[in-house]
C-alpha cells in the first residue's frame, strides 16, 4: 500500500507551548477517527520544546482529500492561533519497510 503522508513542522509562539500541545492533541484525535486514516503522530522536539512534528498517514491521496473536508476548520484556527511562525508542510512518500 502506498501511503499518503503529510508532515508538518510547527513552532509554538512565545508562551504558547502548552496551549499548542493541547490543540494538536485534540486535532490528532479528530483526524485519527476519520475513515482512511492509518495513523497520526504528534512529536515534541526534546532539544527545542517550541518545535512540534505532526504526521498524518492516509491510505491514499483521495482519502486525504475527502477526509480533510470532514475536519472542523475551527480546529485548524485554534492551532494557528498558537503558532509563532507559519507551519512547514511536506507531502512524503514512504521508501522502505517499517
C-alpha atoms as a PDB file:
ATOM      1  CA  UNK A   1       0.000   0.000   0.000  1.00  0.00           C
ATOM      2  CA  UNK A   2       1.393   3.403  -0.975  1.00  0.00           C
ATOM      3  CA  UNK A   3       0.534   5.681   1.913  1.00  0.00           C
ATOM      4  CA  UNK A   4      -0.130   9.376   1.517  1.00  0.00           C
ATOM      5  CA  UNK A   5       1.814  11.135   4.275  1.00  0.00           C
ATOM      6  CA  UNK A   6       1.541  14.759   5.397  1.00  0.00           C
ATOM      7  CA  UNK A   7       4.366  16.081   7.592  1.00  0.00           C
ATOM      8  CA  UNK A   8       4.102  19.381   9.462  1.00  0.00           C
ATOM      9  CA  UNK A   9       6.728  21.235  11.480  1.00  0.00           C
ATOM     10  CA  UNK A  10       5.035  23.655  13.853  1.00  0.00           C
ATOM     11  CA  UNK A  11       6.651  26.214  16.135  1.00  0.00           C
ATOM     12  CA  UNK A  12       4.773  27.495  19.177  1.00  0.00           C
ATOM     13  CA  UNK A  13       4.509  31.211  19.795  1.00  0.00           C
ATOM     14  CA  UNK A  14       6.291  32.527  22.882  1.00  0.00           C
ATOM     15  CA  UNK A  15       4.481  31.226  25.967  1.00  0.00           C
ATOM     16  CA  UNK A  16       2.097  29.031  23.926  1.00  0.00           C
ATOM     17  CA  UNK A  17       3.776  25.620  24.156  1.00  0.00           C
ATOM     18  CA  UNK A  18       1.160  24.062  26.449  1.00  0.00           C
ATOM     19  CA  UNK A  19      -1.744  25.535  24.505  1.00  0.00           C
ATOM     20  CA  UNK A  20      -0.352  24.359  21.164  1.00  0.00           C
ATOM     21  CA  UNK A  21       0.345  20.884  22.559  1.00  0.00           C
ATOM     22  CA  UNK A  22      -3.261  20.658  23.784  1.00  0.00           C
ATOM     23  CA  UNK A  23      -4.760  21.855  20.480  1.00  0.00           C
ATOM     24  CA  UNK A  24      -2.570  19.495  18.444  1.00  0.00           C
ATOM     25  CA  UNK A  25      -3.574  16.621  20.725  1.00  0.00           C
ATOM     26  CA  UNK A  26      -7.246  17.335  20.119  1.00  0.00           C
ATOM     27  CA  UNK A  27      -6.682  17.711  16.382  1.00  0.00           C
ATOM     28  CA  UNK A  28      -4.787  14.414  16.219  1.00  0.00           C
ATOM     29  CA  UNK A  29      -7.694  12.627  17.925  1.00  0.00           C
ATOM     30  CA  UNK A  30     -10.200  14.119  15.468  1.00  0.00           C
ATOM     31  CA  UNK A  31      -8.106  13.144  12.467  1.00  0.00           C
ATOM     32  CA  UNK A  32      -7.439   9.616  13.770  1.00  0.00           C
ATOM     33  CA  UNK A  33     -11.198   8.924  13.789  1.00  0.00           C
ATOM     34  CA  UNK A  34     -11.646   9.674  10.067  1.00  0.00           C
ATOM     35  CA  UNK A  35     -12.060   6.788   7.631  1.00  0.00           C
ATOM     36  CA  UNK A  36      -8.938   6.404   5.527  1.00  0.00           C
ATOM     37  CA  UNK A  37      -6.511   7.479   8.259  1.00  0.00           C
ATOM     38  CA  UNK A  38      -3.823   4.913   9.013  1.00  0.00           C
ATOM     39  CA  UNK A  39      -2.286   6.894  11.874  1.00  0.00           C
ATOM     40  CA  UNK A  40      -1.365  10.246  13.352  1.00  0.00           C
ATOM     41  CA  UNK A  41       1.821  11.071  15.262  1.00  0.00           C
ATOM     42  CA  UNK A  42       2.398  14.121  17.429  1.00  0.00           C
ATOM     43  CA  UNK A  43       6.009  14.646  18.491  1.00  0.00           C
ATOM     44  CA  UNK A  44       7.734  17.364  20.511  1.00  0.00           C
ATOM     45  CA  UNK A  45      11.408  18.133  19.999  1.00  0.00           C
ATOM     46  CA  UNK A  46      13.388  17.299  23.160  1.00  0.00           C
ATOM     47  CA  UNK A  47      16.026  19.933  22.375  1.00  0.00           C
ATOM     48  CA  UNK A  48      13.504  22.662  21.440  1.00  0.00           C
ATOM     49  CA  UNK A  49      10.191  22.433  23.315  1.00  0.00           C
ATOM     50  CA  UNK A  50       8.625  25.040  21.000  1.00  0.00           C
ATOM     51  CA  UNK A  51       9.002  22.701  17.988  1.00  0.00           C
ATOM     52  CA  UNK A  52       6.398  20.058  17.172  1.00  0.00           C
ATOM     53  CA  UNK A  53       6.183  17.487  14.384  1.00  0.00           C
ATOM     54  CA  UNK A  54       2.709  16.391  13.276  1.00  0.00           C
ATOM     55  CA  UNK A  55       2.459  13.460  10.871  1.00  0.00           C
ATOM     56  CA  UNK A  56      -0.709  12.162   9.200  1.00  0.00           C
ATOM     57  CA  UNK A  57      -0.684   8.828   7.357  1.00  0.00           C
ATOM     58  CA  UNK A  58      -3.575   8.223   4.965  1.00  0.00           C
ATOM     59  CA  UNK A  59      -4.493   5.216   2.816  1.00  0.00           C
ATOM     60  CA  UNK A  60      -4.316   7.381  -0.311  1.00  0.00           C
ATOM     61  CA  UNK A  61      -4.321  10.936  -1.612  1.00  0.00           C
ATOM     62  CA  UNK A  62      -8.044  10.530  -2.335  1.00  0.00           C
ATOM     63  CA  UNK A  63      -8.671   9.528   1.294  1.00  0.00           C
ATOM     64  CA  UNK A  64      -6.730  12.601   2.427  1.00  0.00           C
ATOM     65  CA  UNK A  65      -8.701  14.906   0.134  1.00  0.00           C
ATOM     66  CA  UNK A  66     -12.050  13.501   1.253  1.00  0.00           C
ATOM     67  CA  UNK A  67     -11.108  13.258   4.925  1.00  0.00           C
ATOM     68  CA  UNK A  68      -9.717  16.774   5.105  1.00  0.00           C
ATOM     69  CA  UNK A  69     -13.146  18.114   4.228  1.00  0.00           C
ATOM     70  CA  UNK A  70     -14.579  16.470   7.364  1.00  0.00           C
ATOM     71  CA  UNK A  71     -12.329  18.277   9.841  1.00  0.00           C
ATOM     72  CA  UNK A  72     -13.895  21.257  11.586  1.00  0.00           C
ATOM     73  CA  UNK A  73     -11.988  24.325  10.380  1.00  0.00           C
ATOM     74  CA  UNK A  74     -12.196  25.792  13.905  1.00  0.00           C
ATOM     75  CA  UNK A  75      -9.725  23.083  14.974  1.00  0.00           C
ATOM     76  CA  UNK A  76      -7.178  24.419  12.476  1.00  0.00           C
ATOM     77  CA  UNK A  77      -7.800  28.014  13.576  1.00  0.00           C
ATOM     78  CA  UNK A  78      -7.188  27.008  17.191  1.00  0.00           C
ATOM     79  CA  UNK A  79      -3.819  25.523  16.230  1.00  0.00           C
ATOM     80  CA  UNK A  80      -2.838  28.504  14.064  1.00  0.00           C
ATOM     81  CA  UNK A  81      -3.620  30.885  16.938  1.00  0.00           C
ATOM     82  CA  UNK A  82      -0.731  29.397  18.947  1.00  0.00           C
ATOM     83  CA  UNK A  83       1.929  29.347  16.221  1.00  0.00           C
ATOM     84  CA  UNK A  84       4.925  31.665  16.248  1.00  0.00           C
ATOM     85  CA  UNK A  85       5.720  31.057  12.568  1.00  0.00           C
ATOM     86  CA  UNK A  86       3.958  29.613   9.530  1.00  0.00           C
ATOM     87  CA  UNK A  87       3.973  25.806   9.535  1.00  0.00           C
ATOM     88  CA  UNK A  88       6.349  23.901   7.256  1.00  0.00           C
ATOM     89  CA  UNK A  89       4.333  21.361   5.270  1.00  0.00           C
ATOM     90  CA  UNK A  90       5.549  18.451   3.176  1.00  0.00           C
ATOM     91  CA  UNK A  91       3.913  15.524   1.400  1.00  0.00           C
ATOM     92  CA  UNK A  92       6.082  12.458   1.834  1.00  0.00           C
ATOM     93  CA  UNK A  93       6.462   9.040   0.238  1.00  0.00           C
ATOM     94  CA  UNK A  94       7.496   6.031   2.330  1.00  0.00           C
ATOM     95  CA  UNK A  95      10.517   4.308   0.774  1.00  0.00           C
ATOM     96  CA  UNK A  96      11.219   1.339   2.964  1.00  0.00           C
ATOM     97  CA  UNK A  97       9.901  -1.242   5.362  1.00  0.00           C
ATOM     98  CA  UNK A  98       8.630  -0.123   8.715  1.00  0.00           C
END
